[in-house]
Protein backbone atom coordinates (compact mmCIF):
# COMPACT_ATOMS: atom_id res chain seq x y z
CA UNK A 1 0.00 -0.01 0.00
CA UNK A 2 1.31 3.43 -0.93
CA UNK A 3 1.48 5.75 2.09
CA UNK A 4 1.09 9.51 1.94
CA UNK A 5 4.81 9.86 2.67
CA UNK A 6 5.67 7.40 -0.10
CA UNK A 7 3.48 9.24 -2.57
CA UNK A 8 5.04 12.55 -1.58
CA UNK A 9 8.52 11.10 -2.00
CA UNK A 10 7.72 9.80 -5.47
CA UNK A 11 6.36 13.19 -6.50
CA UNK A 12 9.33 15.10 -5.08
CA UNK A 13 11.85 12.99 -6.94
CA UNK A 14 9.79 12.95 -10.13
CA UNK A 15 9.34 16.71 -10.33
CA UNK A 16 12.92 17.41 -9.38
CA UNK A 17 12.43 19.26 -6.11
CA UNK A 18 15.29 17.25 -4.69
CA UNK A 19 18.59 17.32 -6.51
CA UNK A 20 20.74 14.18 -6.50
CA UNK A 21 24.11 14.36 -4.78
CA UNK A 22 26.97 12.81 -6.69
CA UNK A 23 28.65 11.37 -3.58
CA UNK A 24 27.86 10.78 0.06
CA UNK A 25 30.27 13.60 1.03
CA UNK A 26 28.11 16.17 -0.78
CA UNK A 27 24.88 17.36 0.72
CA UNK A 28 21.73 16.37 -1.18
CA UNK A 29 20.12 19.82 -0.98
CA UNK A 30 20.95 23.16 -2.50
CA UNK A 31 21.84 26.32 -0.60
CA UNK A 32 18.62 27.88 -1.93
CA UNK A 33 16.56 25.03 -0.44
CA UNK A 34 18.25 25.48 2.95
CA UNK A 35 17.62 29.23 2.86
CA UNK A 36 13.96 28.73 1.93
CA UNK A 37 13.75 26.12 4.70
CA UNK A 38 14.97 28.61 7.27
CA UNK A 39 11.91 30.78 6.53
CA UNK A 40 9.63 27.71 6.94
CA UNK A 41 11.44 26.78 10.13
CA UNK A 42 11.05 30.28 11.59
CA UNK A 43 7.31 30.27 10.79
CA UNK A 44 6.49 26.70 11.86
CA UNK A 45 9.23 25.21 14.06
CA UNK A 46 11.10 27.96 15.91
CA UNK A 47 8.65 28.32 18.80
CA UNK A 48 9.34 24.74 19.95
CA UNK A 49 12.73 23.76 18.52
CA UNK A 50 14.22 27.22 19.25
CA UNK A 51 16.85 29.30 17.49
CA UNK A 52 19.23 27.32 15.24
CA UNK A 53 17.52 24.07 16.22
CA UNK A 54 18.72 24.20 19.83
CA UNK A 55 15.69 22.30 21.19
CA UNK A 56 14.70 21.78 24.80
CA UNK A 57 17.49 21.56 27.36
CA UNK A 58 16.38 18.18 28.76
CA UNK A 59 14.91 16.83 25.52
CA UNK A 60 15.48 13.19 26.54
CA UNK A 61 13.44 13.46 29.77
CA UNK A 62 9.69 12.88 29.62
CA UNK A 63 7.42 15.57 31.05
CA UNK A 64 4.57 15.07 33.52
CA UNK A 65 2.33 13.84 30.67
CA UNK A 66 4.95 11.30 29.56
CA UNK A 67 5.85 13.25 26.42
CA UNK A 68 9.34 14.06 25.20
CA UNK A 69 10.16 17.77 24.80
CA UNK A 70 11.25 19.10 21.37
CA UNK A 71 14.72 17.69 20.65
CA UNK A 72 17.57 19.70 19.18
CA UNK A 73 17.64 19.53 15.40
CA UNK A 74 21.17 20.91 15.09
CA UNK A 75 23.04 17.60 15.18
CA UNK A 76 23.41 17.35 18.96
CA UNK A 77 20.43 14.98 19.45
CA UNK A 78 19.09 12.05 17.45
CA UNK A 79 17.58 13.63 14.33
CA UNK A 80 20.56 12.46 12.29
CA UNK A 81 19.76 8.85 13.30
CA UNK A 82 16.83 8.88 10.84
CA UNK A 83 16.74 8.65 7.06
CA UNK A 84 14.87 11.20 5.01
CA UNK A 85 11.79 8.98 4.78
CA UNK A 86 11.37 9.02 8.57
CA UNK A 87 12.04 12.76 8.74
CA UNK A 88 9.31 13.35 6.13
CA UNK A 89 6.87 11.19 8.09
CA UNK A 90 7.59 13.15 11.27
CA UNK A 91 6.97 16.49 9.52
CA UNK A 92 3.84 15.15 7.83
CA UNK A 93 2.28 13.24 10.70
CA UNK A 94 3.90 14.63 13.87
CA UNK A 95 6.07 13.18 16.57
CA UNK A 96 3.58 11.22 18.66
CA UNK A 97 4.86 7.94 17.22
CA UNK A 98 8.22 8.75 18.80
CA UNK A 99 6.86 9.82 22.19
CA UNK A 100 6.71 13.54 21.46
CA UNK A 101 3.88 16.00 21.01
CA UNK A 102 4.86 17.67 17.76
CA UNK A 103 1.82 18.16 15.55
CA UNK A 104 1.80 17.01 11.94
CA UNK A 105 2.30 19.69 9.28
CA UNK A 106 1.05 17.66 6.32
CA UNK A 107 -1.92 19.95 5.81
CA UNK A 108 -0.02 23.21 6.40
CA UNK A 109 3.19 22.74 4.41
CA UNK A 110 3.63 22.04 0.71
CA UNK A 111 5.95 19.32 -0.54
CA UNK A 112 8.48 22.03 -1.47
CA UNK A 113 8.33 23.50 2.04
CA UNK A 114 8.80 20.09 3.66
CA UNK A 115 11.90 19.45 1.55
CA UNK A 116 13.19 22.92 2.35
CA UNK A 117 12.72 22.66 6.12
CA UNK A 118 14.52 19.29 6.18
CA UNK A 119 17.31 20.86 4.12
CA UNK A 120 17.57 23.71 6.61
CA UNK A 121 17.68 21.35 9.57
CA UNK A 122 20.42 19.31 7.95
CA UNK A 123 22.34 22.51 7.12
CA UNK A 124 22.64 23.02 10.90
CA UNK A 125 24.52 19.72 11.30
CA UNK A 126 28.30 19.90 11.43
CA UNK A 127 30.09 18.19 8.53
CA UNK A 128 31.16 15.32 10.79
CA UNK A 129 27.55 14.56 11.81
CA UNK A 130 26.29 14.91 8.24
CA UNK A 131 29.05 12.56 7.10
CA UNK A 132 28.05 9.92 9.64
CA UNK A 133 24.42 10.31 8.55
CA UNK A 134 25.39 10.01 4.87
CA UNK A 135 27.34 6.83 5.57
CA UNK A 136 24.43 5.40 7.57
CA UNK A 137 21.84 6.31 4.91
CA UNK A 138 23.71 6.37 1.58
CA UNK A 139 20.53 6.17 -0.46
CA UNK A 140 19.09 9.23 1.27
CA UNK A 141 22.38 11.11 0.94
CA UNK A 142 22.88 10.29 -2.74
CA UNK A 143 19.30 10.53 -4.00
CA UNK A 144 17.79 13.11 -1.68
CA UNK A 145 14.24 12.29 -0.62
CA UNK A 146 13.85 8.50 -0.89
CA UNK A 147 10.76 6.38 -1.23
CA UNK A 148 10.20 5.44 2.42
CA UNK A 149 9.23 1.96 3.51
CA UNK A 150 5.83 1.51 5.15
């Protein structure tokens, strides 16, 4: 069965919103996408994930409701442990599946904006972290937005 995230991924690749990187050491996104993503981030993500993706101080500790606070997105937490398919699903559907309370943005953001905000978040990662991510997820790093598994 084709999920909404899978369909989005197919469309993004097909219409060329995501450039292909020629090697895992290159980033899959363009500078323009990261800059556009910063505007999306400031409008939709900043209030929870804070300036430059700093996130909550104790992001790994559950609150009184059992939810995890917003994690850093700047490479100091676990965001880089996920391939692009999972990152898309989190933006589309929210973070409740992972124990958080982030709402889904699938109805508020366009496909282009989702790609851009992920590009911005990854632009915050130091080269060393991005390199580890690229080695862990070579298909994501070389092709950009992949077709995620269900």
